[in-house]
Amino acid sequence: MEQRWDEFANDIRSGDSEQVNKVIDKIEELDLEERIQLYETCFDELTAIYADSEDGYVRQSTVRVAERLTPGIALVFAVAESDRSIEADIETVREQTDAIGGFLLEALTDEDGRVRQSAKRGLKDVFRTYDSLEDEETIKGFAVKLDEMAAEYSDKRRKHLLEAKEDAEFFLQSGFGRLLEGFQKEFGDSLEK
């Protein structure tokens, strides 16, 4: 896995969109166990690449890769079903999701709007993972933190932070509430006619 990560890291640092998209495609092709191993191998270095880069596309690339490493619902269900092919437990899922969520929170304050948009999309996966873990408290904590962070900005960062907060609040609704909001977003005013 380390050799694979070294290749991925070079592609991410390159800032070349084709190379980065290939990395993301390769990560999506990994099975759940391989993703867990890749996370263990690369997450610290991935965040270091983000912190060290002055190139907005490279920072966005690290965020996109982190999003793909989010454990996700499939892993939660596999662990809950005691899938013996996966050497992870709920605590591992939670730890990885916590770390990725913290990283994405930081990226939501990036000066580059592309980075913030990618971080916002990635946080939705983080919220879905917590939702599948039935962990409302952590989602509430994210909503509060996002609100606090938004108060520190008056530019587009504020807007993106508040949008991410709305995404968190969406996952705090009941299933029926989500369904209604989804219909409202999809069909909007056409429902009122």
N, C-alpha and C. Protein backbone atom coordinates (compact mmCIF):
# COMPACT_ATOMS: atom_id res chain seq x y z
N MET A 1 0.82 -1.20 0.00
CA MET A 1 0.00 0.00 0.00
C MET A 1 0.87 1.26 0.00
N GLU A 2 2.03 1.19 0.66
CA GLU A 2 2.90 2.37 0.71
C GLU A 2 3.43 2.74 -0.66
N GLN A 3 3.76 1.75 -1.47
CA GLN A 3 4.24 2.04 -2.82
C GLN A 3 3.13 2.69 -3.64
N ARG A 4 1.93 2.16 -3.50
CA ARG A 4 0.79 2.74 -4.21
C ARG A 4 0.59 4.19 -3.76
N TRP A 5 0.68 4.43 -2.43
CA TRP A 5 0.50 5.78 -1.92
C TRP A 5 1.58 6.72 -2.46
N ASP A 6 2.83 6.26 -2.55
CA ASP A 6 3.91 7.11 -3.07
C ASP A 6 3.57 7.59 -4.48
N GLU A 7 3.03 6.69 -5.30
CA GLU A 7 2.62 7.07 -6.66
C GLU A 7 1.47 8.08 -6.60
N PHE A 8 0.50 7.81 -5.74
CA PHE A 8 -0.64 8.73 -5.59
C PHE A 8 -0.16 10.10 -5.14
N ALA A 9 0.74 10.14 -4.16
CA ALA A 9 1.22 11.41 -3.61
C ALA A 9 1.91 12.24 -4.69
N ASN A 10 2.71 11.59 -5.53
CA ASN A 10 3.38 12.31 -6.62
C ASN A 10 2.36 12.89 -7.59
N ASP A 11 1.32 12.12 -7.89
CA ASP A 11 0.28 12.60 -8.80
C ASP A 11 -0.48 13.78 -8.18
N ILE A 12 -0.77 13.70 -6.89
CA ILE A 12 -1.48 14.78 -6.21
C ILE A 12 -0.64 16.05 -6.21
N ARG A 13 0.64 15.92 -5.89
CA ARG A 13 1.54 17.08 -5.85
C ARG A 13 1.72 17.71 -7.22
N SER A 14 1.53 16.94 -8.27
CA SER A 14 1.76 17.44 -9.63
C SER A 14 0.80 18.58 -9.99
N GLY A 15 -0.38 18.56 -9.41
CA GLY A 15 -1.37 19.58 -9.77
C GLY A 15 -2.01 19.33 -11.12
N ASP A 16 -1.73 18.19 -11.73
CA ASP A 16 -2.29 17.85 -13.04
C ASP A 16 -3.64 17.17 -12.84
N SER A 17 -4.69 17.78 -13.40
CA SER A 17 -6.05 17.28 -13.15
C SER A 17 -6.25 15.85 -13.64
N GLU A 18 -5.67 15.49 -14.78
CA GLU A 18 -5.83 14.12 -15.27
C GLU A 18 -5.21 13.10 -14.32
N GLN A 19 -4.02 13.42 -13.81
CA GLN A 19 -3.36 12.50 -12.88
C GLN A 19 -4.16 12.38 -11.59
N VAL A 20 -4.66 13.50 -11.09
CA VAL A 20 -5.43 13.48 -9.84
C VAL A 20 -6.72 12.70 -10.03
N ASN A 21 -7.40 12.91 -11.15
CA ASN A 21 -8.64 12.17 -11.41
C ASN A 21 -8.38 10.66 -11.49
N LYS A 22 -7.24 10.27 -12.03
CA LYS A 22 -6.89 8.84 -12.07
C LYS A 22 -6.68 8.30 -10.66
N VAL A 23 -6.04 9.09 -9.80
CA VAL A 23 -5.85 8.68 -8.41
C VAL A 23 -7.20 8.45 -7.75
N ILE A 24 -8.11 9.39 -7.93
CA ILE A 24 -9.43 9.29 -7.32
C ILE A 24 -10.17 8.07 -7.86
N ASP A 25 -10.07 7.83 -9.16
CA ASP A 25 -10.70 6.64 -9.75
C ASP A 25 -10.12 5.36 -9.15
N LYS A 26 -8.81 5.32 -8.97
CA LYS A 26 -8.17 4.13 -8.40
C LYS A 26 -8.61 3.91 -6.95
N ILE A 27 -8.76 4.99 -6.20
CA ILE A 27 -9.22 4.86 -4.82
C ILE A 27 -10.65 4.32 -4.79
N GLU A 28 -11.49 4.81 -5.70
CA GLU A 28 -12.88 4.33 -5.75
C GLU A 28 -12.95 2.85 -6.08
N GLU A 29 -11.95 2.33 -6.80
CA GLU A 29 -11.94 0.91 -7.17
C GLU A 29 -11.47 0.01 -6.03
N LEU A 30 -10.87 0.59 -4.99
CA LEU A 30 -10.38 -0.22 -3.88
C LEU A 30 -11.53 -0.83 -3.10
N ASP A 31 -11.31 -2.03 -2.57
CA ASP A 31 -12.33 -2.59 -1.69
C ASP A 31 -12.23 -1.91 -0.33
N LEU A 32 -13.17 -2.19 0.54
CA LEU A 32 -13.24 -1.48 1.82
C LEU A 32 -11.98 -1.67 2.66
N GLU A 33 -11.48 -2.88 2.72
CA GLU A 33 -10.27 -3.14 3.52
C GLU A 33 -9.07 -2.37 2.97
N GLU A 34 -8.95 -2.32 1.65
CA GLU A 34 -7.83 -1.58 1.05
C GLU A 34 -7.94 -0.08 1.35
N ARG A 35 -9.15 0.44 1.35
CA ARG A 35 -9.33 1.86 1.69
C ARG A 35 -8.91 2.15 3.12
N ILE A 36 -9.26 1.25 4.03
CA ILE A 36 -8.85 1.42 5.43
C ILE A 36 -7.32 1.45 5.51
N GLN A 37 -6.69 0.53 4.82
CA GLN A 37 -5.22 0.47 4.83
C GLN A 37 -4.61 1.72 4.20
N LEU A 38 -5.21 2.18 3.09
CA LEU A 38 -4.69 3.38 2.44
C LEU A 38 -4.81 4.58 3.36
N TYR A 39 -5.93 4.69 4.04
CA TYR A 39 -6.10 5.79 5.00
C TYR A 39 -4.98 5.74 6.04
N GLU A 40 -4.75 4.56 6.62
CA GLU A 40 -3.71 4.41 7.65
C GLU A 40 -2.34 4.80 7.11
N THR A 41 -2.09 4.49 5.85
CA THR A 41 -0.80 4.76 5.23
C THR A 41 -0.62 6.24 4.91
N CYS A 42 -1.68 6.89 4.45
CA CYS A 42 -1.48 8.18 3.80
C CYS A 42 -2.06 9.42 4.48
N PHE A 43 -2.97 9.28 5.42
CA PHE A 43 -3.71 10.46 5.85
C PHE A 43 -2.82 11.57 6.40
N ASP A 44 -1.86 11.24 7.22
CA ASP A 44 -0.98 12.28 7.76
C ASP A 44 -0.21 13.00 6.65
N GLU A 45 0.29 12.24 5.70
CA GLU A 45 1.03 12.87 4.60
C GLU A 45 0.09 13.68 3.71
N LEU A 46 -1.12 13.20 3.52
CA LEU A 46 -2.10 13.93 2.72
C LEU A 46 -2.36 15.31 3.33
N THR A 47 -2.56 15.36 4.63
CA THR A 47 -2.80 16.66 5.28
C THR A 47 -1.55 17.53 5.23
N ALA A 48 -0.37 16.92 5.26
CA ALA A 48 0.88 17.69 5.14
C ALA A 48 1.01 18.30 3.74
N ILE A 49 0.62 17.55 2.72
CA ILE A 49 0.66 18.08 1.35
C ILE A 49 -0.26 19.30 1.28
N TYR A 50 -1.43 19.19 1.87
CA TYR A 50 -2.37 20.32 1.90
C TYR A 50 -1.72 21.53 2.56
N ALA A 51 -1.18 21.33 3.74
CA ALA A 51 -0.62 22.44 4.52
C ALA A 51 0.58 23.09 3.84
N ASP A 52 1.36 22.30 3.12
CA ASP A 52 2.59 22.81 2.51
C ASP A 52 2.38 23.44 1.13
N SER A 53 1.23 23.24 0.52
CA SER A 53 1.04 23.68 -0.86
C SER A 53 0.49 25.10 -0.96
N GLU A 54 1.07 25.85 -1.88
CA GLU A 54 0.55 27.18 -2.19
C GLU A 54 -0.37 27.12 -3.41
N ASP A 55 -0.42 25.98 -4.07
CA ASP A 55 -1.23 25.79 -5.27
C ASP A 55 -2.64 25.34 -4.86
N GLY A 56 -3.63 26.16 -5.19
CA GLY A 56 -5.02 25.86 -4.83
C GLY A 56 -5.49 24.54 -5.40
N TYR A 57 -5.05 24.19 -6.61
CA TYR A 57 -5.50 22.92 -7.18
C TYR A 57 -4.93 21.74 -6.42
N VAL A 58 -3.70 21.84 -5.97
CA VAL A 58 -3.11 20.75 -5.18
C VAL A 58 -3.88 20.61 -3.87
N ARG A 59 -4.21 21.74 -3.23
CA ARG A 59 -4.99 21.66 -1.98
C ARG A 59 -6.36 21.06 -2.24
N GLN A 60 -6.99 21.47 -3.34
CA GLN A 60 -8.29 20.89 -3.69
C GLN A 60 -8.16 19.38 -3.93
N SER A 61 -7.08 18.98 -4.55
CA SER A 61 -6.86 17.56 -4.82
C SER A 61 -6.75 16.76 -3.53
N THR A 62 -6.07 17.32 -2.53
CA THR A 62 -5.96 16.61 -1.25
C THR A 62 -7.33 16.46 -0.60
N VAL A 63 -8.15 17.49 -0.74
CA VAL A 63 -9.51 17.43 -0.18
C VAL A 63 -10.33 16.38 -0.90
N ARG A 64 -10.22 16.33 -2.21
CA ARG A 64 -10.97 15.33 -2.98
C ARG A 64 -10.54 13.91 -2.62
N VAL A 65 -9.25 13.71 -2.42
CA VAL A 65 -8.76 12.39 -2.02
C VAL A 65 -9.26 12.05 -0.62
N ALA A 66 -9.22 13.01 0.29
CA ALA A 66 -9.72 12.77 1.66
C ALA A 66 -11.19 12.37 1.62
N GLU A 67 -11.95 13.03 0.75
CA GLU A 67 -13.37 12.69 0.62
C GLU A 67 -13.53 11.22 0.23
N ARG A 68 -12.71 10.74 -0.68
CA ARG A 68 -12.80 9.34 -1.13
C ARG A 68 -12.36 8.37 -0.03
N LEU A 69 -11.57 8.86 0.91
CA LEU A 69 -11.11 8.00 2.00
C LEU A 69 -12.11 7.94 3.15
N THR A 70 -13.13 8.79 3.14
CA THR A 70 -14.13 8.77 4.20
C THR A 70 -14.72 7.36 4.27
N PRO A 71 -14.74 6.76 5.47
CA PRO A 71 -15.20 5.37 5.58
C PRO A 71 -16.54 5.11 4.91
N GLY A 72 -17.51 5.95 5.12
CA GLY A 72 -18.77 5.84 4.42
C GLY A 72 -19.71 4.77 4.94
N ILE A 73 -20.89 4.82 4.38
CA ILE A 73 -21.98 3.97 4.82
C ILE A 73 -21.68 2.49 4.57
N ALA A 74 -21.08 2.18 3.43
CA ALA A 74 -20.80 0.77 3.10
C ALA A 74 -19.91 0.14 4.17
N LEU A 75 -18.92 0.87 4.62
CA LEU A 75 -18.04 0.33 5.66
C LEU A 75 -18.77 0.18 6.98
N VAL A 76 -19.62 1.14 7.32
CA VAL A 76 -20.39 1.05 8.57
C VAL A 76 -21.24 -0.21 8.55
N PHE A 77 -21.93 -0.46 7.44
CA PHE A 77 -22.78 -1.65 7.35
C PHE A 77 -21.95 -2.93 7.38
N ALA A 78 -20.81 -2.93 6.70
CA ALA A 78 -19.96 -4.12 6.69
C ALA A 78 -19.46 -4.43 8.10
N VAL A 79 -19.06 -3.40 8.83
CA VAL A 79 -18.58 -3.60 10.20
C VAL A 79 -19.72 -4.04 11.10
N ALA A 80 -20.88 -3.41 10.94
CA ALA A 80 -22.04 -3.76 11.76
C ALA A 80 -22.48 -5.20 11.52
N GLU A 81 -22.31 -5.67 10.30
CA GLU A 81 -22.69 -7.05 9.96
C GLU A 81 -21.57 -8.04 10.29
N SER A 82 -20.51 -7.54 10.91
CA SER A 82 -19.36 -8.37 11.29
C SER A 82 -18.75 -9.08 10.10
N ASP A 83 -18.59 -8.34 9.01
CA ASP A 83 -17.95 -8.87 7.81
C ASP A 83 -16.51 -9.25 8.17
N ARG A 84 -16.22 -10.52 8.15
CA ARG A 84 -14.92 -11.00 8.60
C ARG A 84 -13.78 -10.66 7.63
N SER A 85 -14.11 -10.22 6.44
CA SER A 85 -13.06 -9.86 5.49
C SER A 85 -12.50 -8.47 5.78
N ILE A 86 -13.12 -7.78 6.72
CA ILE A 86 -12.69 -6.42 7.06
C ILE A 86 -12.16 -6.41 8.48
N GLU A 87 -10.94 -5.96 8.62
CA GLU A 87 -10.31 -5.92 9.94
C GLU A 87 -10.52 -4.56 10.60
N ALA A 88 -11.72 -4.10 10.66
CA ALA A 88 -12.02 -2.81 11.27
C ALA A 88 -13.22 -2.98 12.19
N ASP A 89 -13.33 -2.05 13.10
CA ASP A 89 -14.50 -2.03 13.96
C ASP A 89 -15.10 -0.63 13.91
N ILE A 90 -16.19 -0.46 14.61
CA ILE A 90 -16.88 0.83 14.60
C ILE A 90 -15.96 1.94 15.09
N GLU A 91 -15.12 1.64 16.05
CA GLU A 91 -14.20 2.66 16.59
C GLU A 91 -13.22 3.14 15.51
N THR A 92 -12.74 2.22 14.68
CA THR A 92 -11.85 2.60 13.58
C THR A 92 -12.58 3.51 12.61
N VAL A 93 -13.82 3.15 12.27
CA VAL A 93 -14.63 3.98 11.37
C VAL A 93 -14.79 5.37 11.97
N ARG A 94 -15.11 5.42 13.24
CA ARG A 94 -15.33 6.71 13.91
C ARG A 94 -14.05 7.55 13.93
N GLU A 95 -12.92 6.92 14.27
CA GLU A 95 -11.65 7.65 14.32
C GLU A 95 -11.28 8.23 12.96
N GLN A 96 -11.43 7.43 11.91
CA GLN A 96 -11.10 7.91 10.57
C GLN A 96 -12.05 9.03 10.16
N THR A 97 -13.32 8.87 10.46
CA THR A 97 -14.31 9.90 10.11
C THR A 97 -14.04 11.18 10.88
N ASP A 98 -13.70 11.07 12.16
CA ASP A 98 -13.36 12.25 12.96
C ASP A 98 -12.19 13.02 12.34
N ALA A 99 -11.14 12.29 11.98
CA ALA A 99 -9.94 12.93 11.42
C ALA A 99 -10.24 13.60 10.09
N ILE A 100 -10.96 12.90 9.23
CA ILE A 100 -11.29 13.48 7.92
C ILE A 100 -12.21 14.68 8.11
N GLY A 101 -13.18 14.57 9.01
CA GLY A 101 -14.07 15.70 9.29
C GLY A 101 -13.32 16.92 9.77
N GLY A 102 -12.36 16.74 10.66
CA GLY A 102 -11.56 17.86 11.14
C GLY A 102 -10.75 18.50 10.03
N PHE A 103 -10.18 17.67 9.17
CA PHE A 103 -9.42 18.18 8.03
C PHE A 103 -10.32 18.98 7.10
N LEU A 104 -11.51 18.46 6.82
CA LEU A 104 -12.43 19.16 5.92
C LEU A 104 -12.93 20.47 6.52
N LEU A 105 -13.11 20.50 7.84
CA LEU A 105 -13.47 21.77 8.50
C LEU A 105 -12.41 22.83 8.23
N GLU A 106 -11.16 22.44 8.38
CA GLU A 106 -10.06 23.38 8.12
C GLU A 106 -10.10 23.84 6.67
N ALA A 107 -10.31 22.90 5.75
CA ALA A 107 -10.32 23.24 4.33
C ALA A 107 -11.48 24.17 3.96
N LEU A 108 -12.53 24.17 4.76
CA LEU A 108 -13.66 25.07 4.50
C LEU A 108 -13.31 26.54 4.72
N THR A 109 -12.17 26.81 5.31
CA THR A 109 -11.73 28.20 5.49
C THR A 109 -10.61 28.56 4.52
N ASP A 110 -10.31 27.69 3.58
CA ASP A 110 -9.26 27.94 2.60
C ASP A 110 -9.61 29.18 1.78
N GLU A 111 -8.60 29.90 1.35
CA GLU A 111 -8.83 31.11 0.55
C GLU A 111 -9.36 30.80 -0.85
N ASP A 112 -9.16 29.59 -1.31
CA ASP A 112 -9.58 29.18 -2.66
C ASP A 112 -10.98 28.57 -2.61
N GLY A 113 -11.90 29.15 -3.36
CA GLY A 113 -13.28 28.68 -3.37
C GLY A 113 -13.43 27.25 -3.85
N ARG A 114 -12.57 26.81 -4.77
CA ARG A 114 -12.64 25.42 -5.26
C ARG A 114 -12.36 24.44 -4.13
N VAL A 115 -11.42 24.81 -3.27
CA VAL A 115 -11.08 23.96 -2.13
C VAL A 115 -12.27 23.88 -1.18
N ARG A 116 -12.88 25.04 -0.92
CA ARG A 116 -14.02 25.08 0.01
C ARG A 116 -15.19 24.26 -0.54
N GLN A 117 -15.47 24.36 -1.84
CA GLN A 117 -16.58 23.60 -2.43
C GLN A 117 -16.32 22.10 -2.29
N SER A 118 -15.09 21.67 -2.53
CA SER A 118 -14.76 20.25 -2.39
C SER A 118 -14.89 19.81 -0.94
N ALA A 119 -14.46 20.67 -0.02
CA ALA A 119 -14.57 20.34 1.41
C ALA A 119 -16.04 20.22 1.82
N LYS A 120 -16.86 21.10 1.30
CA LYS A 120 -18.29 21.06 1.63
C LYS A 120 -18.92 19.75 1.15
N ARG A 121 -18.57 19.34 -0.08
CA ARG A 121 -19.07 18.05 -0.60
C ARG A 121 -18.56 16.90 0.26
N GLY A 122 -17.31 16.96 0.65
CA GLY A 122 -16.73 15.90 1.48
C GLY A 122 -17.40 15.80 2.83
N LEU A 123 -17.77 16.94 3.41
CA LEU A 123 -18.43 16.92 4.71
C LEU A 123 -19.78 16.22 4.64
N LYS A 124 -20.46 16.28 3.50
CA LYS A 124 -21.72 15.55 3.37
C LYS A 124 -21.49 14.05 3.58
N ASP A 125 -20.38 13.53 3.03
CA ASP A 125 -20.06 12.11 3.25
C ASP A 125 -19.75 11.83 4.71
N VAL A 126 -19.08 12.77 5.35
CA VAL A 126 -18.80 12.64 6.79
C VAL A 126 -20.11 12.59 7.56
N PHE A 127 -21.03 13.50 7.24
CA PHE A 127 -22.33 13.53 7.94
C PHE A 127 -23.11 12.25 7.68
N ARG A 128 -23.08 11.74 6.44
CA ARG A 128 -23.76 10.48 6.13
C ARG A 128 -23.19 9.33 6.96
N THR A 129 -21.88 9.33 7.12
CA THR A 129 -21.25 8.27 7.90
C THR A 129 -21.71 8.34 9.35
N TYR A 130 -21.68 9.54 9.94
CA TYR A 130 -22.15 9.68 11.32
C TYR A 130 -23.63 9.32 11.43
N ASP A 131 -24.40 9.69 10.42
CA ASP A 131 -25.83 9.37 10.42
C ASP A 131 -26.02 7.85 10.42
N SER A 132 -25.24 7.15 9.62
CA SER A 132 -25.37 5.69 9.58
C SER A 132 -24.88 5.05 10.88
N LEU A 133 -24.03 5.77 11.62
CA LEU A 133 -23.61 5.32 12.96
C LEU A 133 -24.61 5.73 14.03
N GLU A 134 -25.67 6.43 13.60
CA GLU A 134 -26.70 6.96 14.50
C GLU A 134 -26.07 7.87 15.56
N ASP A 135 -25.15 8.72 15.13
CA ASP A 135 -24.41 9.62 16.01
C ASP A 135 -24.85 11.07 15.78
N GLU A 136 -26.03 11.40 16.29
CA GLU A 136 -26.55 12.76 16.14
C GLU A 136 -25.71 13.78 16.88
N GLU A 137 -25.16 13.41 18.02
CA GLU A 137 -24.40 14.36 18.84
C GLU A 137 -23.21 14.93 18.07
N THR A 138 -22.51 14.08 17.35
CA THR A 138 -21.36 14.57 16.59
C THR A 138 -21.81 15.48 15.46
N ILE A 139 -22.90 15.13 14.80
CA ILE A 139 -23.41 16.00 13.73
C ILE A 139 -23.82 17.35 14.32
N LYS A 140 -24.49 17.34 15.47
CA LYS A 140 -24.84 18.60 16.15
C LYS A 140 -23.58 19.40 16.46
N GLY A 141 -22.55 18.72 16.93
CA GLY A 141 -21.29 19.38 17.24
C GLY A 141 -20.69 20.06 16.01
N PHE A 142 -20.77 19.38 14.87
CA PHE A 142 -20.30 19.98 13.62
C PHE A 142 -21.12 21.23 13.28
N ALA A 143 -22.43 21.14 13.43
CA ALA A 143 -23.29 22.29 13.11
C ALA A 143 -22.93 23.49 13.98
N VAL A 144 -22.72 23.26 15.26
CA VAL A 144 -22.34 24.35 16.18
C VAL A 144 -20.98 24.92 15.78
N LYS A 145 -20.01 24.05 15.52
CA LYS A 145 -18.67 24.50 15.14
C LYS A 145 -18.71 25.30 13.84
N LEU A 146 -19.47 24.83 12.87
CA LEU A 146 -19.59 25.54 11.59
C LEU A 146 -20.19 26.92 11.79
N ASP A 147 -21.19 27.02 12.66
CA ASP A 147 -21.80 28.31 12.96
C ASP A 147 -20.79 29.25 13.61
N GLU A 148 -20.03 28.73 14.56
CA GLU A 148 -18.99 29.54 15.23
C GLU A 148 -17.94 30.00 14.22
N MET A 149 -17.52 29.10 13.35
CA MET A 149 -16.51 29.45 12.35
C MET A 149 -17.04 30.51 11.39
N ALA A 150 -18.31 30.39 11.00
CA ALA A 150 -18.91 31.34 10.07
C ALA A 150 -18.91 32.75 10.64
N ALA A 151 -19.06 32.86 11.95
CA ALA A 151 -19.08 34.18 12.60
C ALA A 151 -17.74 34.91 12.46
N GLU A 152 -16.69 34.18 12.16
CA GLU A 152 -15.36 34.77 12.04
C GLU A 152 -15.09 35.36 10.66
N TYR A 153 -16.00 35.13 9.70
CA TYR A 153 -15.76 35.56 8.33
C TYR A 153 -16.93 36.40 7.82
N SER A 154 -16.63 37.28 6.86
CA SER A 154 -17.70 38.06 6.24
C SER A 154 -17.67 37.90 4.72
N ASP A 155 -16.77 37.08 4.21
CA ASP A 155 -16.66 36.88 2.77
C ASP A 155 -17.35 35.57 2.36
N LYS A 156 -16.98 35.04 1.21
CA LYS A 156 -17.62 33.81 0.72
C LYS A 156 -17.36 32.61 1.63
N ARG A 157 -16.31 32.68 2.42
CA ARG A 157 -16.06 31.59 3.36
C ARG A 157 -17.24 31.45 4.32
N ARG A 158 -17.77 32.58 4.76
CA ARG A 158 -18.93 32.56 5.65
C ARG A 158 -20.09 31.82 4.98
N LYS A 159 -20.34 32.17 3.72
CA LYS A 159 -21.43 31.53 2.97
C LYS A 159 -21.22 30.01 2.90
N HIS A 160 -20.01 29.58 2.58
CA HIS A 160 -19.75 28.14 2.46
C HIS A 160 -19.85 27.43 3.81
N LEU A 161 -19.40 28.09 4.86
CA LEU A 161 -19.51 27.50 6.20
C LEU A 161 -20.98 27.35 6.61
N LEU A 162 -21.79 28.36 6.30
CA LEU A 162 -23.21 28.28 6.65
C LEU A 162 -23.93 27.24 5.80
N GLU A 163 -23.53 27.09 4.55
CA GLU A 163 -24.11 26.04 3.71
C GLU A 163 -23.77 24.65 4.26
N ALA A 164 -22.54 24.49 4.72
CA ALA A 164 -22.15 23.21 5.32
C ALA A 164 -22.93 22.96 6.61
N LYS A 165 -23.19 24.02 7.36
CA LYS A 165 -23.99 23.90 8.58
C LYS A 165 -25.40 23.41 8.22
N GLU A 166 -25.98 23.98 7.15
CA GLU A 166 -27.31 23.53 6.69
C GLU A 166 -27.27 22.05 6.32
N ASP A 167 -26.20 21.63 5.68
CA ASP A 167 -26.06 20.20 5.34
C ASP A 167 -26.06 19.34 6.59
N ALA A 168 -25.34 19.79 7.62
CA ALA A 168 -25.32 19.04 8.89
C ALA A 168 -26.71 18.98 9.49
N GLU A 169 -27.40 20.12 9.49
CA GLU A 169 -28.75 20.17 10.07
C GLU A 169 -29.72 19.28 9.31
N PHE A 170 -29.51 19.13 8.01
CA PHE A 170 -30.35 18.24 7.20
C PHE A 170 -30.30 16.82 7.76
N PHE A 171 -29.11 16.37 8.15
CA PHE A 171 -28.96 15.01 8.67
C PHE A 171 -29.51 14.85 10.08
N LEU A 172 -29.86 15.95 10.72
CA LEU A 172 -30.47 15.89 12.05
C LEU A 172 -31.98 15.77 11.98
N GLN A 173 -32.54 15.94 10.79
CA GLN A 173 -33.99 15.83 10.62
C GLN A 173 -34.40 14.36 10.64
N SER A 174 -35.68 14.15 10.89
CA SER A 174 -36.22 12.79 10.79
C SER A 174 -36.19 12.36 9.32
N GLY A 175 -36.35 11.08 9.09
CA GLY A 175 -36.39 10.59 7.72
C GLY A 175 -37.47 11.26 6.90
N PHE A 176 -38.65 11.48 7.52
CA PHE A 176 -39.75 12.14 6.81
C PHE A 176 -39.40 13.59 6.51
N GLY A 177 -38.77 14.27 7.45
CA GLY A 177 -38.35 15.66 7.24
C GLY A 177 -37.37 15.77 6.10
N ARG A 178 -36.45 14.82 6.00
CA ARG A 178 -35.48 14.81 4.90
C ARG A 178 -36.18 14.61 3.57
N LEU A 179 -37.16 13.70 3.57
CA LEU A 179 -37.91 13.43 2.35
C LEU A 179 -38.62 14.69 1.87
N LEU A 180 -39.30 15.38 2.80
CA LEU A 180 -39.99 16.62 2.44
C LEU A 180 -39.03 17.67 1.92
N GLU A 181 -37.93 17.86 2.60
CA GLU A 181 -36.96 18.86 2.16
C GLU A 181 -36.38 18.49 0.80
N GLY A 182 -36.13 17.22 0.58
CA GLY A 182 -35.63 16.77 -0.71
C GLY A 182 -36.61 17.07 -1.83
N PHE A 183 -37.90 16.80 -1.59
CA PHE A 183 -38.92 17.13 -2.58
C PHE A 183 -38.98 18.63 -2.82
N GLN A 184 -38.90 19.40 -1.75
CA GLN A 184 -38.96 20.86 -1.88
C GLN A 184 -37.80 21.37 -2.72
N LYS A 185 -36.61 20.86 -2.48
CA LYS A 185 -35.44 21.29 -3.25
C LYS A 185 -35.56 20.86 -4.70
N GLU A 186 -36.09 19.66 -4.91
CA GLU A 186 -36.19 19.12 -6.27
C GLU A 186 -37.26 19.81 -7.09
N PHE A 187 -38.42 20.01 -6.48
CA PHE A 187 -39.56 20.51 -7.25
C PHE A 187 -39.92 21.95 -6.93
N GLY A 188 -39.43 22.49 -5.82
CA GLY A 188 -39.59 23.89 -5.47
C GLY A 188 -41.00 24.39 -5.57
N ASP A 189 -41.14 25.50 -6.26
CA ASP A 189 -42.43 26.18 -6.37
C ASP A 189 -43.49 25.39 -7.12
N SER A 190 -43.08 24.42 -7.92
CA SER A 190 -44.06 23.65 -8.70
C SER A 190 -44.99 22.86 -7.79
N LEU A 191 -44.59 22.60 -6.54
CA LEU A 191 -45.45 21.89 -5.59
C LEU A 191 -46.58 22.78 -5.09
N GLU A 192 -46.39 24.09 -5.14
CA GLU A 192 -47.37 25.02 -4.59
C GLU A 192 -48.44 25.40 -5.60
N LYS A 193 -48.30 25.02 -6.84
CA LYS A 193 -49.27 25.42 -7.88
C LYS A 193 -50.38 24.44 -8.03
